[in-house]
Amino acid sequence: MDIIWTGHARDRQKEWHKKLGITEEEVEKLLKNPAQIVPGDRGVLVAQVRSGNGLLRVPFVNVEGNRKVVTIYWTSRVEKYWKE
């Protein structure tokens, strides 16, 4: 499986790298081996993993067996997004 980066996703990763040190490699590792995948809006899936005191969330779509990154963000609202 390949990871396809959109321009927006790359920009967001760079912003989160400045804020929290989130690397491109960390995002790709999450997409290849997520702690959870939950449904998002409009058919988008969200790979997520606990990170610090929050969640790193990576919305993506499946494209011909690959994962296309829609965006990247970190949130402290674990209780809202984490599914037990």
C-alpha atoms as a PDB file:
ATOM      1  CA  MET A   1       0.000   0.000   0.000  1.00  0.00           C
ATOM      2  CA  ASP A   2       1.271   3.433  -0.964  1.00  0.00           C
ATOM      3  CA  ILE A   3       0.513   6.699   0.782  1.00  0.00           C
ATOM      4  CA  ILE A   4      -0.646   9.477  -1.540  1.00  0.00           C
ATOM      5  CA  TRP A   5      -0.110  12.979  -0.179  1.00  0.00           C
ATOM      6  CA  THR A   6      -2.267  15.925  -1.242  1.00  0.00           C
ATOM      7  CA  GLY A   7      -0.760  19.403  -1.180  1.00  0.00           C
ATOM      8  CA  HIS A   8      -3.094  20.351   1.660  1.00  0.00           C
ATOM      9  CA  ALA A   9      -2.043  17.312   3.727  1.00  0.00           C
ATOM     10  CA  ARG A  10       1.646  18.155   3.262  1.00  0.00           C
ATOM     11  CA  ASP A  11       1.014  21.750   4.338  1.00  0.00           C
ATOM     12  CA  ARG A  12      -0.893  20.612   7.436  1.00  0.00           C
ATOM     13  CA  GLN A  13       1.854  18.105   8.340  1.00  0.00           C
ATOM     14  CA  LYS A  14       4.434  20.893   8.164  1.00  0.00           C
ATOM     15  CA  GLU A  15       2.292  23.076  10.434  1.00  0.00           C
ATOM     16  CA  TRP A  16       1.874  20.263  12.981  1.00  0.00           C
ATOM     17  CA  HIS A  17       5.583  19.514  12.762  1.00  0.00           C
ATOM     18  CA  LYS A  18       6.298  23.084  13.879  1.00  0.00           C
ATOM     19  CA  LYS A  19       3.727  22.884  16.708  1.00  0.00           C
ATOM     20  CA  LEU A  20       4.173  19.310  17.994  1.00  0.00           C
ATOM     21  CA  GLY A  21       6.997  17.700  16.029  1.00  0.00           C
ATOM     22  CA  ILE A  22       4.717  15.401  14.002  1.00  0.00           C
ATOM     23  CA  THR A  23       6.795  13.967  11.157  1.00  0.00           C
ATOM     24  CA  GLU A  24       5.825  12.697   7.723  1.00  0.00           C
ATOM     25  CA  GLU A  25       7.164   9.281   8.756  1.00  0.00           C
ATOM     26  CA  GLU A  26       4.921   9.269  11.844  1.00  0.00           C
ATOM     27  CA  VAL A  27       1.879  10.001   9.680  1.00  0.00           C
ATOM     28  CA  GLU A  28       2.753   7.247   7.191  1.00  0.00           C
ATOM     29  CA  LYS A  29       3.349   4.770  10.025  1.00  0.00           C
ATOM     30  CA  LEU A  30      -0.068   5.647  11.449  1.00  0.00           C
ATOM     31  CA  LEU A  31      -1.740   5.092   8.078  1.00  0.00           C
ATOM     32  CA  LYS A  32      -0.052   1.720   7.619  1.00  0.00           C
ATOM     33  CA  ASN A  33      -0.731   0.518  11.180  1.00  0.00           C
ATOM     34  CA  PRO A  34      -3.452   2.622  12.858  1.00  0.00           C
ATOM     35  CA  ALA A  35      -4.618   2.057  16.415  1.00  0.00           C
ATOM     36  CA  GLN A  36      -8.141   2.701  15.107  1.00  0.00           C
ATOM     37  CA  ILE A  37      -9.945   3.513  11.890  1.00  0.00           C
ATOM     38  CA  VAL A  38     -13.285   5.245  12.390  1.00  0.00           C
ATOM     39  CA  PRO A  39     -15.786   6.587   9.862  1.00  0.00           C
ATOM     40  CA  GLY A  40     -15.599  10.278   9.038  1.00  0.00           C
ATOM     41  CA  ASP A  41     -17.798  12.533   6.922  1.00  0.00           C
ATOM     42  CA  ARG A  42     -18.672  11.945   3.262  1.00  0.00           C
ATOM     43  CA  GLY A  43     -17.128   8.475   3.018  1.00  0.00           C
ATOM     44  CA  VAL A  44     -13.776   9.513   4.460  1.00  0.00           C
ATOM     45  CA  LEU A  45     -12.119   7.194   6.972  1.00  0.00           C
ATOM     46  CA  VAL A  46      -9.995   8.472   9.862  1.00  0.00           C
ATOM     47  CA  ALA A  47      -6.891   6.654  11.094  1.00  0.00           C
ATOM     48  CA  GLN A  48      -6.043   7.665  14.629  1.00  0.00           C
ATOM     49  CA  VAL A  49      -3.624   6.954  17.440  1.00  0.00           C
ATOM     50  CA  ARG A  50      -3.208   8.305  20.949  1.00  0.00           C
ATOM     51  CA  SER A  51      -0.415  10.870  20.991  1.00  0.00           C
ATOM     52  CA  GLY A  52       0.618  12.614  24.185  1.00  0.00           C
ATOM     53  CA  ASN A  53      -2.572  13.673  25.941  1.00  0.00           C
ATOM     54  CA  GLY A  54      -4.607  13.667  22.725  1.00  0.00           C
ATOM     55  CA  LEU A  55      -5.100  12.027  19.356  1.00  0.00           C
ATOM     56  CA  LEU A  56      -3.302  12.289  16.047  1.00  0.00           C
ATOM     57  CA  ARG A  57      -6.033  11.937  13.406  1.00  0.00           C
ATOM     58  CA  VAL A  58      -5.442  11.406   9.687  1.00  0.00           C
ATOM     59  CA  PRO A  59      -8.547  11.434   7.479  1.00  0.00           C
ATOM     60  CA  PHE A  60      -7.981   9.466   4.261  1.00  0.00           C
ATOM     61  CA  VAL A  61      -9.726   7.802   1.323  1.00  0.00           C
ATOM     62  CA  ASN A  62      -8.874   4.472  -0.254  1.00  0.00           C
ATOM     63  CA  VAL A  63      -7.805   4.825  -3.893  1.00  0.00           C
ATOM     64  CA  GLU A  64      -7.030   1.609  -5.759  1.00  0.00           C
ATOM     65  CA  GLY A  65      -5.562  -0.099  -2.687  1.00  0.00           C
ATOM     66  CA  ASN A  66      -3.628   2.984  -1.586  1.00  0.00           C
ATOM     67  CA  ARG A  67      -4.436   5.590   1.068  1.00  0.00           C
ATOM     68  CA  LYS A  68      -4.813   9.216   0.010  1.00  0.00           C
ATOM     69  CA  VAL A  69      -4.283  11.645   2.891  1.00  0.00           C
ATOM     70  CA  VAL A  70      -7.016  14.289   3.082  1.00  0.00           C
ATOM     71  CA  THR A  71      -5.608  16.248   6.041  1.00  0.00           C
ATOM     72  CA  ILE A  72      -3.814  15.806   9.361  1.00  0.00           C
ATOM     73  CA  TYR A  73      -4.601  17.139  12.793  1.00  0.00           C
ATOM     74  CA  TRP A  74      -4.058  16.617  16.492  1.00  0.00           C
ATOM     75  CA  THR A  75      -6.829  17.068  19.048  1.00  0.00           C
ATOM     76  CA  SER A  76      -7.099  16.913  22.822  1.00  0.00           C
ATOM     77  CA  ARG A  77     -10.738  15.782  22.530  1.00  0.00           C
ATOM     78  CA  VAL A  78     -10.025  12.079  22.971  1.00  0.00           C
ATOM     79  CA  GLU A  79     -13.445  11.318  24.479  1.00  0.00           C
ATOM     80  CA  LYS A  80     -15.204  12.708  21.397  1.00  0.00           C
ATOM     81  CA  TYR A  81     -13.305  10.673  18.800  1.00  0.00           C
ATOM     82  CA  TRP A  82     -11.841   7.537  20.425  1.00  0.00           C
ATOM     83  CA  LYS A  83     -14.096   4.472  20.120  1.00  0.00           C
ATOM     84  CA  GLU A  84     -13.898   1.827  22.832  1.00  0.00           C
END
